[in-house]
């Protein structure tokens, strides 16, 4: 790696601000879900989290929407939390396939009227 006149390697980037993230308590308060249930849902792998050195859970704000999806599927379809992983994976795959189909149509010039 080459060095600049300031002594820092070229291409070194420093974040301008700390990334915004939510603690377990603030995430639970925002989503209206008890913190213990949030922990269980994290254990099932339904939410993406990061852990700090002490093992505390931290949530990206995008995970608020994921929790809404989890709750909606659980309540409307009467699914257990353990089965939601499969359902959410299938929904993601469907969304990906629909997106690739739209891109393929756009590349071929096929338009819906």
PDB file of N, CA and C in Angstrom:
ATOM      1  N   UNK A   1       0.853  -1.164   0.000  1.00  0.00           N
ATOM      2  CA  UNK A   1       0.000   0.000   0.000  1.00  0.00           C
ATOM      3  C   UNK A   1       0.900   1.229   0.000  1.00  0.00           C
ATOM      4  N   UNK A   2       0.637   2.179  -0.870  1.00  0.00           N
ATOM      5  CA  UNK A   2       1.438   3.391  -0.906  1.00  0.00           C
ATOM      6  C   UNK A   2       0.957   4.368   0.136  1.00  0.00           C
ATOM      7  N   UNK A   3       1.863   5.262   0.534  1.00  0.00           N
ATOM      8  CA  UNK A   3       1.522   6.225   1.567  1.00  0.00           C
ATOM      9  C   UNK A   3       1.442   7.620   0.966  1.00  0.00           C
ATOM     10  N   UNK A   4       0.549   8.424   1.509  1.00  0.00           N
ATOM     11  CA  UNK A   4       0.438   9.821   1.108  1.00  0.00           C
ATOM     12  C   UNK A   4       1.402  10.642   1.943  1.00  0.00           C
ATOM     13  N   UNK A   5       1.506  11.925   1.636  1.00  0.00           N
ATOM     14  CA  UNK A   5       2.400  12.797   2.395  1.00  0.00           C
ATOM     15  C   UNK A   5       1.968  12.937   3.841  1.00  0.00           C
ATOM     16  N   UNK A   6       0.709  12.658   4.151  1.00  0.00           N
ATOM     17  CA  UNK A   6       0.242  12.756   5.532  1.00  0.00           C
ATOM     18  C   UNK A   6       0.595  11.511   6.341  1.00  0.00           C
ATOM     19  N   UNK A   7       1.169  10.503   5.693  1.00  0.00           N
ATOM     20  CA  UNK A   7       1.542   9.292   6.396  1.00  0.00           C
ATOM     21  C   UNK A   7       0.452   8.229   6.405  1.00  0.00           C
ATOM     22  N   UNK A   8      -0.720   8.534   5.873  1.00  0.00           N
ATOM     23  CA  UNK A   8      -1.826   7.581   5.835  1.00  0.00           C
ATOM     24  C   UNK A   8      -1.783   6.824   4.512  1.00  0.00           C
ATOM     25  N   UNK A   9      -2.093   5.551   4.510  1.00  0.00           N
ATOM     26  CA  UNK A   9      -2.116   4.786   3.259  1.00  0.00           C
ATOM     27  C   UNK A   9      -3.155   5.356   2.293  1.00  0.00           C
ATOM     28  N   UNK A  10      -2.797   5.334   1.002  1.00  0.00           N
ATOM     29  CA  UNK A  10      -3.772   5.750  -0.021  1.00  0.00           C
ATOM     30  C   UNK A  10      -4.991   4.856   0.047  1.00  0.00           C
ATOM     31  N   UNK A  11      -6.149   5.416  -0.170  1.00  0.00           N
ATOM     32  CA  UNK A  11      -7.380   4.640  -0.164  1.00  0.00           C
ATOM     33  C   UNK A  11      -7.967   4.431   1.212  1.00  0.00           C
ATOM     34  N   UNK A  12      -7.316   4.929   2.254  1.00  0.00           N
ATOM     35  CA  UNK A  12      -7.862   4.797   3.598  1.00  0.00           C
ATOM     36  C   UNK A  12      -9.079   5.689   3.713  1.00  0.00           C
ATOM     37  N   UNK A  13     -10.156   5.138   4.179  1.00  0.00           N
ATOM     38  CA  UNK A  13     -11.393   5.905   4.349  1.00  0.00           C
ATOM     39  C   UNK A  13     -11.834   5.825   5.788  1.00  0.00           C
ATOM     40  N   UNK A  14     -12.255   6.939   6.306  1.00  0.00           N
ATOM     41  CA  UNK A  14     -12.738   7.011   7.672  1.00  0.00           C
ATOM     42  C   UNK A  14     -14.198   7.397   7.650  1.00  0.00           C
ATOM     43  N   UNK A  15     -15.038   6.722   8.403  1.00  0.00           N
ATOM     44  CA  UNK A  15     -16.460   7.098   8.420  1.00  0.00           C
ATOM     45  C   UNK A  15     -16.626   8.491   9.014  1.00  0.00           C
ATOM     46  N   UNK A  16     -17.563   9.248   8.463  1.00  0.00           N
ATOM     47  CA  UNK A  16     -17.823  10.595   8.962  1.00  0.00           C
ATOM     48  C   UNK A  16     -18.595  10.577  10.265  1.00  0.00           C
ATOM     49  N   UNK A  17     -19.365   9.544  10.475  1.00  0.00           N
ATOM     50  CA  UNK A  17     -20.156   9.437  11.701  1.00  0.00           C
ATOM     51  C   UNK A  17     -20.320   7.966  12.052  1.00  0.00           C
ATOM     52  N   UNK A  18     -20.604   7.729  13.299  1.00  0.00           N
ATOM     53  CA  UNK A  18     -20.879   6.378  13.753  1.00  0.00           C
ATOM     54  C   UNK A  18     -22.173   5.901  13.089  1.00  0.00           C
ATOM     55  N   UNK A  19     -22.229   4.652  12.613  1.00  0.00           N
ATOM     56  CA  UNK A  19     -23.471   4.180  11.981  1.00  0.00           C
ATOM     57  C   UNK A  19     -24.627   4.188  12.976  1.00  0.00           C
ATOM     58  N   UNK A  20     -25.794   4.559  12.487  1.00  0.00           N
ATOM     59  CA  UNK A  20     -26.972   4.588  13.345  1.00  0.00           C
ATOM     60  C   UNK A  20     -27.472   3.175  13.539  1.00  0.00           C
ATOM     61  N   UNK A  21     -27.648   2.789  14.780  1.00  0.00           N
ATOM     62  CA  UNK A  21     -28.153   1.465  15.089  1.00  0.00           C
ATOM     63  C   UNK A  21     -28.956   1.541  16.376  1.00  0.00           C
ATOM     64  N   UNK A  22     -29.784   0.543  16.573  1.00  0.00           N
ATOM     65  CA  UNK A  22     -30.697   0.517  17.711  1.00  0.00           C
ATOM     66  C   UNK A  22     -30.284  -0.557  18.705  1.00  0.00           C
ATOM     67  N   UNK A  23     -30.327  -0.221  19.983  1.00  0.00           N
ATOM     68  CA  UNK A  23     -30.088  -1.213  21.030  1.00  0.00           C
ATOM     69  C   UNK A  23     -31.305  -2.133  21.114  1.00  0.00           C
ATOM     70  N   UNK A  24     -31.171  -3.214  21.843  1.00  0.00           N
ATOM     71  CA  UNK A  24     -32.281  -4.149  22.015  1.00  0.00           C
ATOM     72  C   UNK A  24     -33.494  -3.452  22.619  1.00  0.00           C
ATOM     73  N   UNK A  25     -33.276  -2.663  23.666  1.00  0.00           N
ATOM     74  CA  UNK A  25     -34.400  -1.993  24.324  1.00  0.00           C
ATOM     75  C   UNK A  25     -35.076  -0.974  23.409  1.00  0.00           C
ATOM     76  N   UNK A  26     -34.286  -0.183  22.685  1.00  0.00           N
ATOM     77  CA  UNK A  26     -34.907   0.812  21.800  1.00  0.00           C
ATOM     78  C   UNK A  26     -35.603   0.123  20.628  1.00  0.00           C
ATOM     79  N   UNK A  27     -35.019  -0.964  20.118  1.00  0.00           N
ATOM     80  CA  UNK A  27     -35.647  -1.721  19.034  1.00  0.00           C
ATOM     81  C   UNK A  27     -36.971  -2.317  19.501  1.00  0.00           C
ATOM     82  N   UNK A  28     -36.976  -2.911  20.688  1.00  0.00           N
ATOM     83  CA  UNK A  28     -38.200  -3.502  21.234  1.00  0.00           C
ATOM     84  C   UNK A  28     -39.270  -2.429  21.433  1.00  0.00           C
ATOM     85  N   UNK A  29     -38.873  -1.269  21.927  1.00  0.00           N
ATOM     86  CA  UNK A  29     -39.830  -0.183  22.150  1.00  0.00           C
ATOM     87  C   UNK A  29     -40.422   0.310  20.820  1.00  0.00           C
ATOM     88  N   UNK A  30     -39.580   0.478  19.810  1.00  0.00           N
ATOM     89  CA  UNK A  30     -40.048   0.965  18.502  1.00  0.00           C
ATOM     90  C   UNK A  30     -40.974  -0.036  17.832  1.00  0.00           C
ATOM     91  N   UNK A  31     -40.644  -1.323  17.919  1.00  0.00           N
ATOM     92  CA  UNK A  31     -41.447  -2.348  17.244  1.00  0.00           C
ATOM     93  C   UNK A  31     -42.642  -2.808  18.066  1.00  0.00           C
ATOM     94  N   UNK A  32     -42.648  -2.500  19.357  1.00  0.00           N
ATOM     95  CA  UNK A  32     -43.748  -2.929  20.213  1.00  0.00           C
ATOM     96  C   UNK A  32     -43.705  -4.397  20.568  1.00  0.00           C
ATOM     97  N   UNK A  33     -42.518  -4.986  20.500  1.00  0.00           N
ATOM     98  CA  UNK A  33     -42.340  -6.407  20.793  1.00  0.00           C
ATOM     99  C   UNK A  33     -41.479  -6.527  22.052  1.00  0.00           C
ATOM    100  N   UNK A  34     -41.845  -7.415  22.949  1.00  0.00           N
ATOM    101  CA  UNK A  34     -41.102  -7.610  24.188  1.00  0.00           C
ATOM    102  C   UNK A  34     -39.653  -8.009  23.872  1.00  0.00           C
ATOM    103  N   UNK A  35     -38.675  -7.467  24.610  1.00  0.00           N
ATOM    104  CA  UNK A  35     -37.268  -7.781  24.345  1.00  0.00           C
ATOM    105  C   UNK A  35     -36.946  -9.278  24.356  1.00  0.00           C
ATOM    106  N   UNK A  36     -37.597 -10.039  25.226  1.00  0.00           N
ATOM    107  CA  UNK A  36     -37.332 -11.486  25.256  1.00  0.00           C
ATOM    108  C   UNK A  36     -37.793 -12.151  23.959  1.00  0.00           C
ATOM    109  N   UNK A  37     -38.934 -11.725  23.419  1.00  0.00           N
ATOM    110  CA  UNK A  37     -39.399 -12.264  22.140  1.00  0.00           C
ATOM    111  C   UNK A  37     -38.449 -11.844  21.020  1.00  0.00           C
ATOM    112  N   UNK A  38     -37.935 -10.631  21.079  1.00  0.00           N
ATOM    113  CA  UNK A  38     -36.953 -10.191  20.077  1.00  0.00           C
ATOM    114  C   UNK A  38     -35.733 -11.110  20.130  1.00  0.00           C
ATOM    115  N   UNK A  39     -35.249 -11.415  21.320  1.00  0.00           N
ATOM    116  CA  UNK A  39     -34.098 -12.328  21.466  1.00  0.00           C
ATOM    117  C   UNK A  39     -34.392 -13.690  20.844  1.00  0.00           C
ATOM    118  N   UNK A  40     -35.593 -14.205  21.077  1.00  0.00           N
ATOM    119  CA  UNK A  40     -35.966 -15.512  20.506  1.00  0.00           C
ATOM    120  C   UNK A  40     -36.002 -15.454  18.981  1.00  0.00           C
ATOM    121  N   UNK A  41     -36.534 -14.380  18.445  1.00  0.00           N
ATOM    122  CA  UNK A  41     -36.609 -14.221  16.991  1.00  0.00           C
ATOM    123  C   UNK A  41     -35.211 -14.102  16.393  1.00  0.00           C
ATOM    124  N   UNK A  42     -34.313 -13.414  17.095  1.00  0.00           N
ATOM    125  CA  UNK A  42     -32.913 -13.334  16.651  1.00  0.00           C
ATOM    126  C   UNK A  42     -32.286 -14.720  16.667  1.00  0.00           C
ATOM    127  N   UNK A  43     -32.543 -15.497  17.713  1.00  0.00           N
ATOM    128  CA  UNK A  43     -32.003 -16.853  17.814  1.00  0.00           C
ATOM    129  C   UNK A  43     -32.464 -17.723  16.653  1.00  0.00           C
ATOM    130  N   UNK A  44     -33.688 -17.504  16.180  1.00  0.00           N
ATOM    131  CA  UNK A  44     -34.212 -18.263  15.038  1.00  0.00           C
ATOM    132  C   UNK A  44     -33.628 -17.790  13.711  1.00  0.00           C
ATOM    133  N   UNK A  45     -32.884 -16.682  13.740  1.00  0.00           N
ATOM    134  CA  UNK A  45     -32.245 -16.184  12.518  1.00  0.00           C
ATOM    135  C   UNK A  45     -33.155 -15.350  11.637  1.00  0.00           C
ATOM    136  N   UNK A  46     -34.245 -14.836  12.193  1.00  0.00           N
ATOM    137  CA  UNK A  46     -35.195 -14.060  11.392  1.00  0.00           C
ATOM    138  C   UNK A  46     -34.806 -12.601  11.265  1.00  0.00           C
ATOM    139  N   UNK A  47     -33.878 -12.127  12.076  1.00  0.00           N
ATOM    140  CA  UNK A  47     -33.436 -10.739  12.036  1.00  0.00           C
ATOM    141  C   UNK A  47     -31.912 -10.697  11.928  1.00  0.00           C
ATOM    142  N   UNK A  48     -31.413  -9.718  11.187  1.00  0.00           N
ATOM    143  CA  UNK A  48     -29.974  -9.501  11.090  1.00  0.00           C
ATOM    144  C   UNK A  48     -29.548  -8.551  12.195  1.00  0.00           C
ATOM    145  N   UNK A  49     -28.565  -8.969  12.955  1.00  0.00           N
ATOM    146  CA  UNK A  49     -28.085  -8.155  14.072  1.00  0.00           C
ATOM    147  C   UNK A  49     -26.566  -8.118  14.043  1.00  0.00           C
ATOM    148  N   UNK A  50     -26.019  -7.216  14.838  1.00  0.00           N
ATOM    149  CA  UNK A  50     -24.593  -7.239  15.129  1.00  0.00           C
ATOM    150  C   UNK A  50     -24.454  -7.293  16.638  1.00  0.00           C
ATOM    151  N   UNK A  51     -23.337  -7.795  17.076  1.00  0.00           N
ATOM    152  CA  UNK A  51     -23.049  -7.850  18.511  1.00  0.00           C
ATOM    153  C   UNK A  51     -21.773  -7.062  18.767  1.00  0.00           C
ATOM    154  N   UNK A  52     -21.757  -6.355  19.890  1.00  0.00           N
ATOM    155  CA  UNK A  52     -20.540  -5.650  20.257  1.00  0.00           C
ATOM    156  C   UNK A  52     -19.658  -6.576  21.095  1.00  0.00           C
ATOM    157  N   UNK A  53     -18.560  -6.050  21.589  1.00  0.00           N
ATOM    158  CA  UNK A  53     -17.603  -6.865  22.354  1.00  0.00           C
ATOM    159  C   UNK A  53     -18.217  -7.468  23.610  1.00  0.00           C
ATOM    160  N   UNK A  54     -19.206  -6.781  24.185  1.00  0.00           N
ATOM    161  CA  UNK A  54     -19.861  -7.302  25.385  1.00  0.00           C
ATOM    162  C   UNK A  54     -20.978  -8.293  25.067  1.00  0.00           C
ATOM    163  N   UNK A  55     -21.294  -8.492  23.793  1.00  0.00           N
ATOM    164  CA  UNK A  55     -22.345  -9.415  23.405  1.00  0.00           C
ATOM    165  C   UNK A  55     -23.721  -8.786  23.289  1.00  0.00           C
ATOM    166  N   UNK A  56     -23.806  -7.454  23.407  1.00  0.00           N
ATOM    167  CA  UNK A  56     -25.093  -6.759  23.277  1.00  0.00           C
ATOM    168  C   UNK A  56     -25.579  -6.800  21.835  1.00  0.00           C
ATOM    169  N   UNK A  57     -26.887  -6.909  21.675  1.00  0.00           N
ATOM    170  CA  UNK A  57     -27.494  -6.919  20.346  1.00  0.00           C
ATOM    171  C   UNK A  57     -27.675  -5.497  19.836  1.00  0.00           C
ATOM    172  N   UNK A  58     -27.374  -5.282  18.547  1.00  0.00           N
ATOM    173  CA  UNK A  58     -27.590  -3.995  17.894  1.00  0.00           C
ATOM    174  C   UNK A  58     -28.299  -4.250  16.577  1.00  0.00           C
ATOM    175  N   UNK A  59     -29.285  -3.411  16.277  1.00  0.00           N
ATOM    176  CA  UNK A  59     -30.137  -3.589  15.107  1.00  0.00           C
ATOM    177  C   UNK A  59     -29.983  -2.418  14.148  1.00  0.00           C
ATOM    178  N   UNK A  60     -29.906  -2.738  12.871  1.00  0.00           N
ATOM    179  CA  UNK A  60     -29.965  -1.714  11.838  1.00  0.00           C
ATOM    180  C   UNK A  60     -31.412  -1.237  11.755  1.00  0.00           C
ATOM    181  N   UNK A  61     -31.647   0.035  11.488  1.00  0.00           N
ATOM    182  CA  UNK A  61     -33.034   0.521  11.396  1.00  0.00           C
ATOM    183  C   UNK A  61     -33.880  -0.231  10.365  1.00  0.00           C
ATOM    184  N   UNK A  62     -33.263  -0.820   9.351  1.00  0.00           N
ATOM    185  CA  UNK A  62     -34.027  -1.587   8.350  1.00  0.00           C
ATOM    186  C   UNK A  62     -34.697  -2.806   8.969  1.00  0.00           C
ATOM    187  N   UNK A  63     -34.216  -3.256  10.109  1.00  0.00           N
ATOM    188  CA  UNK A  63     -34.783  -4.427  10.754  1.00  0.00           C
ATOM    189  C   UNK A  63     -36.137  -4.144  11.409  1.00  0.00           C
ATOM    190  N   UNK A  64     -36.496  -2.861  11.537  1.00  0.00           N
ATOM    191  CA  UNK A  64     -37.834  -2.526  12.038  1.00  0.00           C
ATOM    192  C   UNK A  64     -38.873  -3.038  11.040  1.00  0.00           C
ATOM    193  N   UNK A  65     -38.593  -2.851   9.776  1.00  0.00           N
ATOM    194  CA  UNK A  65     -39.498  -3.344   8.724  1.00  0.00           C
ATOM    195  C   UNK A  65     -39.552  -4.872   8.718  1.00  0.00           C
ATOM    196  N   UNK A  66     -38.404  -5.512   8.943  1.00  0.00           N
ATOM    197  CA  UNK A  66     -38.374  -6.974   9.000  1.00  0.00           C
ATOM    198  C   UNK A  66     -39.240  -7.501  10.136  1.00  0.00           C
ATOM    199  N   UNK A  67     -39.197  -6.826  11.277  1.00  0.00           N
ATOM    200  CA  UNK A  67     -40.029  -7.253  12.410  1.00  0.00           C
ATOM    201  C   UNK A  67     -41.504  -7.100  12.068  1.00  0.00           C
ATOM    202  N   UNK A  68     -41.840  -6.039  11.341  1.00  0.00           N
ATOM    203  CA  UNK A  68     -43.235  -5.862  10.928  1.00  0.00           C
ATOM    204  C   UNK A  68     -43.671  -7.035  10.038  1.00  0.00           C
ATOM    205  N   UNK A  69     -42.776  -7.481   9.159  1.00  0.00           N
ATOM    206  CA  UNK A  69     -43.080  -8.633   8.303  1.00  0.00           C
ATOM    207  C   UNK A  69     -43.250  -9.894   9.137  1.00  0.00           C
ATOM    208  N   UNK A  70     -42.354 -10.105  10.096  1.00  0.00           N
ATOM    209  CA  UNK A  70     -42.440 -11.271  10.977  1.00  0.00           C
ATOM    210  C   UNK A  70     -43.779 -11.274  11.707  1.00  0.00           C
ATOM    211  N   UNK A  71     -44.141 -10.147  12.285  1.00  0.00           N
ATOM    212  CA  UNK A  71     -45.386 -10.063  13.047  1.00  0.00           C
ATOM    213  C   UNK A  71     -46.613 -10.255  12.147  1.00  0.00           C
ATOM    214  N   UNK A  72     -46.576  -9.653  10.974  1.00  0.00           N
ATOM    215  CA  UNK A  72     -47.709  -9.770  10.048  1.00  0.00           C
ATOM    216  C   UNK A  72     -47.915 -11.222   9.629  1.00  0.00           C
ATOM    217  N   UNK A  73     -46.837 -11.917   9.270  1.00  0.00           N
ATOM    218  CA  UNK A  73     -46.951 -13.316   8.870  1.00  0.00           C
ATOM    219  C   UNK A  73     -47.407 -14.186  10.039  1.00  0.00           C
ATOM    220  N   UNK A  74     -46.880 -13.911  11.208  1.00  0.00           N
ATOM    221  CA  UNK A  74     -47.251 -14.696  12.389  1.00  0.00           C
ATOM    222  C   UNK A  74     -48.739 -14.539  12.702  1.00  0.00           C
ATOM    223  N   UNK A  75     -49.242 -13.323  12.667  1.00  0.00           N
ATOM    224  CA  UNK A  75     -50.623 -13.069  13.058  1.00  0.00           C
ATOM    225  C   UNK A  75     -51.634 -13.410  11.962  1.00  0.00           C
ATOM    226  N   UNK A  76     -51.338 -13.006  10.740  1.00  0.00           N
ATOM    227  CA  UNK A  76     -52.326 -13.210   9.661  1.00  0.00           C
ATOM    228  C   UNK A  76     -52.380 -14.629   9.146  1.00  0.00           C
ATOM    229  N   UNK A  77     -51.237 -15.289   9.090  1.00  0.00           N
ATOM    230  CA  UNK A  77     -51.210 -16.656   8.565  1.00  0.00           C
ATOM    231  C   UNK A  77     -51.169 -17.705   9.664  1.00  0.00           C
ATOM    232  N   UNK A  78     -51.155 -17.243  10.910  1.00  0.00           N
ATOM    233  CA  UNK A  78     -51.140 -18.145  12.058  1.00  0.00           C
ATOM    234  C   UNK A  78     -49.963 -19.124  11.985  1.00  0.00           C
ATOM    235  N   UNK A  79     -48.779 -18.572  11.640  1.00  0.00           N
ATOM    236  CA  UNK A  79     -47.569 -19.381  11.548  1.00  0.00           C
ATOM    237  C   UNK A  79     -46.772 -19.270  12.834  1.00  0.00           C
ATOM    238  N   UNK A  80     -46.110 -20.344  13.207  1.00  0.00           N
ATOM    239  CA  UNK A  80     -45.219 -20.281  14.359  1.00  0.00           C
ATOM    240  C   UNK A  80     -43.967 -19.511  13.961  1.00  0.00           C
ATOM    241  N   UNK A  81     -43.295 -18.950  14.950  1.00  0.00           N
ATOM    242  CA  UNK A  81     -42.069 -18.198  14.661  1.00  0.00           C
ATOM    243  C   UNK A  81     -41.006 -19.095  14.043  1.00  0.00           C
ATOM    244  N   UNK A  82     -40.953 -20.356  14.456  1.00  0.00           N
ATOM    245  CA  UNK A  82     -39.944 -21.258  13.902  1.00  0.00           C
ATOM    246  C   UNK A  82     -40.178 -21.564  12.424  1.00  0.00           C
ATOM    247  N   UNK A  83     -41.417 -21.513  11.965  1.00  0.00           N
ATOM    248  CA  UNK A  83     -41.689 -21.767  10.543  1.00  0.00           C
ATOM    249  C   UNK A  83     -41.531 -20.522   9.683  1.00  0.00           C
ATOM    250  N   UNK A  84     -41.445 -19.367  10.307  1.00  0.00           N
ATOM    251  CA  UNK A  84     -41.351 -18.117   9.545  1.00  0.00           C
ATOM    252  C   UNK A  84     -40.063 -17.987   8.755  1.00  0.00           C
ATOM    253  N   UNK A  85     -38.985 -18.609   9.222  1.00  0.00           N
ATOM    254  CA  UNK A  85     -37.719 -18.538   8.486  1.00  0.00           C
ATOM    255  C   UNK A  85     -37.873 -19.061   7.074  1.00  0.00           C
ATOM    256  N   UNK A  86     -38.503 -20.204   6.937  1.00  0.00           N
ATOM    257  CA  UNK A  86     -38.723 -20.803   5.619  1.00  0.00           C
ATOM    258  C   UNK A  86     -39.621 -19.913   4.765  1.00  0.00           C
ATOM    259  N   UNK A  87     -40.702 -19.428   5.337  1.00  0.00           N
ATOM    260  CA  UNK A  87     -41.643 -18.592   4.584  1.00  0.00           C
ATOM    261  C   UNK A  87     -40.964 -17.304   4.126  1.00  0.00           C
ATOM    262  N   UNK A  88     -40.185 -16.671   5.005  1.00  0.00           N
ATOM    263  CA  UNK A  88     -39.512 -15.431   4.640  1.00  0.00           C
ATOM    264  C   UNK A  88     -38.447 -15.666   3.573  1.00  0.00           C
ATOM    265  N   UNK A  89     -37.738 -16.799   3.645  1.00  0.00           N
ATOM    266  CA  UNK A  89     -36.768 -17.139   2.605  1.00  0.00           C
ATOM    267  C   UNK A  89     -37.464 -17.328   1.260  1.00  0.00           C
ATOM    268  N   UNK A  90     -38.596 -18.009   1.263  1.00  0.00           N
ATOM    269  CA  UNK A  90     -39.347 -18.205   0.019  1.00  0.00           C
ATOM    270  C   UNK A  90     -39.845 -16.878  -0.546  1.00  0.00           C
ATOM    271  N   UNK A  91     -40.323 -15.988   0.308  1.00  0.00           N
ATOM    272  CA  UNK A  91     -40.770 -14.678  -0.155  1.00  0.00           C
ATOM    273  C   UNK A  91     -39.616 -13.872  -0.759  1.00  0.00           C
ATOM    274  N   UNK A  92     -38.428 -13.965  -0.144  1.00  0.00           N
ATOM    275  CA  UNK A  92     -37.247 -13.280  -0.693  1.00  0.00           C
ATOM    276  C   UNK A  92     -36.872 -13.849  -2.054  1.00  0.00           C
ATOM    277  N   UNK A  93     -36.938 -15.172  -2.191  1.00  0.00           N
ATOM    278  CA  UNK A  93     -36.612 -15.801  -3.473  1.00  0.00           C
ATOM    279  C   UNK A  93     -37.607 -15.387  -4.546  1.00  0.00           C
ATOM    280  N   UNK A  94     -38.880 -15.326  -4.204  1.00  0.00           N
ATOM    281  CA  UNK A  94     -39.904 -14.887  -5.161  1.00  0.00           C
ATOM    282  C   UNK A  94     -39.627 -13.458  -5.596  1.00  0.00           C
ATOM    283  N   UNK A  95     -39.304 -12.602  -4.649  1.00  0.00           N
ATOM    284  CA  UNK A  95     -39.002 -11.206  -4.963  1.00  0.00           C
ATOM    285  C   UNK A  95     -37.784 -11.096  -5.880  1.00  0.00           C
ATOM    286  N   UNK A  96     -36.751 -11.883  -5.608  1.00  0.00           N
ATOM    287  CA  UNK A  96     -35.556 -11.884  -6.453  1.00  0.00           C
ATOM    288  C   UNK A  96     -35.879 -12.358  -7.870  1.00  0.00           C
ATOM    289  N   UNK A  97     -36.673 -13.427  -7.973  1.00  0.00           N
ATOM    290  CA  UNK A  97     -37.052 -13.945  -9.293  1.00  0.00           C
ATOM    291  C   UNK A  97     -37.881 -12.933 -10.081  1.00  0.00           C
ATOM    292  N   UNK A  98     -38.808 -12.271  -9.394  1.00  0.00           N
ATOM    293  CA  UNK A  98     -39.615 -11.252 -10.074  1.00  0.00           C
ATOM    294  C   UNK A  98     -38.742 -10.094 -10.550  1.00  0.00           C
ATOM    295  N   UNK A  99     -37.783  -9.704  -9.738  1.00  0.00           N
ATOM    296  CA  UNK A  99     -36.872  -8.628 -10.122  1.00  0.00           C
ATOM    297  C   UNK A  99     -36.019  -9.007 -11.319  1.00  0.00           C
ATOM    298  N   UNK A 100     -35.500 -10.229 -11.339  1.00  0.00           N
ATOM    299  CA  UNK A 100     -34.681 -10.655 -12.477  1.00  0.00           C
ATOM    300  C   UNK A 100     -35.533 -10.793 -13.736  1.00  0.00           C
ATOM    301  N   UNK A 101     -36.783 -11.197 -13.578  1.00  0.00           N
ATOM    302  CA  UNK A 101     -37.675 -11.290 -14.729  1.00  0.00           C
ATOM    303  C   UNK A 101     -37.957  -9.900 -15.296  1.00  0.00           C
ATOM    304  N   UNK A 102     -38.182  -8.920 -14.422  1.00  0.00           N
ATOM    305  CA  UNK A 102     -38.398  -7.540 -14.880  1.00  0.00           C
ATOM    306  C   UNK A 102     -37.177  -7.001 -15.597  1.00  0.00           C
ATOM    307  N   UNK A 103     -35.992  -7.251 -15.045  1.00  0.00           N
ATOM    308  CA  UNK A 103     -34.756  -6.782 -15.690  1.00  0.00           C
ATOM    309  C   UNK A 103     -34.571  -7.443 -17.046  1.00  0.00           C
ATOM    310  N   UNK A 104     -34.875  -8.744 -17.129  1.00  0.00           N
ATOM    311  CA  UNK A 104     -34.743  -9.471 -18.385  1.00  0.00           C
ATOM    312  C   UNK A 104     -35.676  -8.902 -19.445  1.00  0.00           C
ATOM    313  N   UNK A 105     -36.902  -8.604 -19.048  1.00  0.00           N
ATOM    314  CA  UNK A 105     -37.858  -8.002 -19.989  1.00  0.00           C
ATOM    315  C   UNK A 105     -37.389  -6.627 -20.443  1.00  0.00           C
ATOM    316  N   UNK A 106     -36.846  -5.858 -19.520  1.00  0.00           N
ATOM    317  CA  UNK A 106     -36.379  -4.513 -19.862  1.00  0.00           C
ATOM    318  C   UNK A 106     -35.210  -4.587 -20.828  1.00  0.00           C
ATOM    319  N   UNK A 107     -34.313  -5.554 -20.637  1.00  0.00           N
ATOM    320  CA  UNK A 107     -33.157  -5.711 -21.525  1.00  0.00           C
ATOM    321  C   UNK A 107     -33.595  -6.123 -22.931  1.00  0.00           C
ATOM    322  N   UNK A 108     -34.664  -6.916 -23.021  1.00  0.00           N
ATOM    323  CA  UNK A 108     -35.173  -7.351 -24.323  1.00  0.00           C
ATOM    324  C   UNK A 108     -36.090  -6.326 -24.965  1.00  0.00           C
ATOM    325  N   UNK A 109     -36.433  -5.309 -24.207  1.00  0.00           N
ATOM    326  CA  UNK A 109     -37.307  -4.277 -24.754  1.00  0.00           C
ATOM    327  C   UNK A 109     -38.787  -4.607 -24.683  1.00  0.00           C
ATOM    328  N   UNK A 110     -39.153  -5.633 -23.929  1.00  0.00           N
ATOM    329  CA  UNK A 110     -40.558  -6.003 -23.766  1.00  0.00           C
ATOM    330  C   UNK A 110     -41.166  -5.047 -22.762  1.00  0.00           C
ATOM    331  N   UNK A 111     -42.281  -4.428 -23.129  1.00  0.00           N
ATOM    332  CA  UNK A 111     -42.928  -3.470 -22.245  1.00  0.00           C
ATOM    333  C   UNK A 111     -44.358  -3.886 -21.980  1.00  0.00           C
ATOM    334  N   UNK A 112     -44.798  -3.640 -20.772  1.00  0.00           N
ATOM    335  CA  UNK A 112     -46.191  -3.869 -20.408  1.00  0.00           C
ATOM    336  C   UNK A 112     -46.958  -2.597 -20.704  1.00  0.00           C
ATOM    337  N   UNK A 113     -48.126  -2.738 -21.301  1.00  0.00           N
ATOM    338  CA  UNK A 113     -48.935  -1.537 -21.580  1.00  0.00           C
ATOM    339  C   UNK A 113     -50.226  -1.578 -20.824  1.00  0.00           C
TER     340      UNK A 113
END
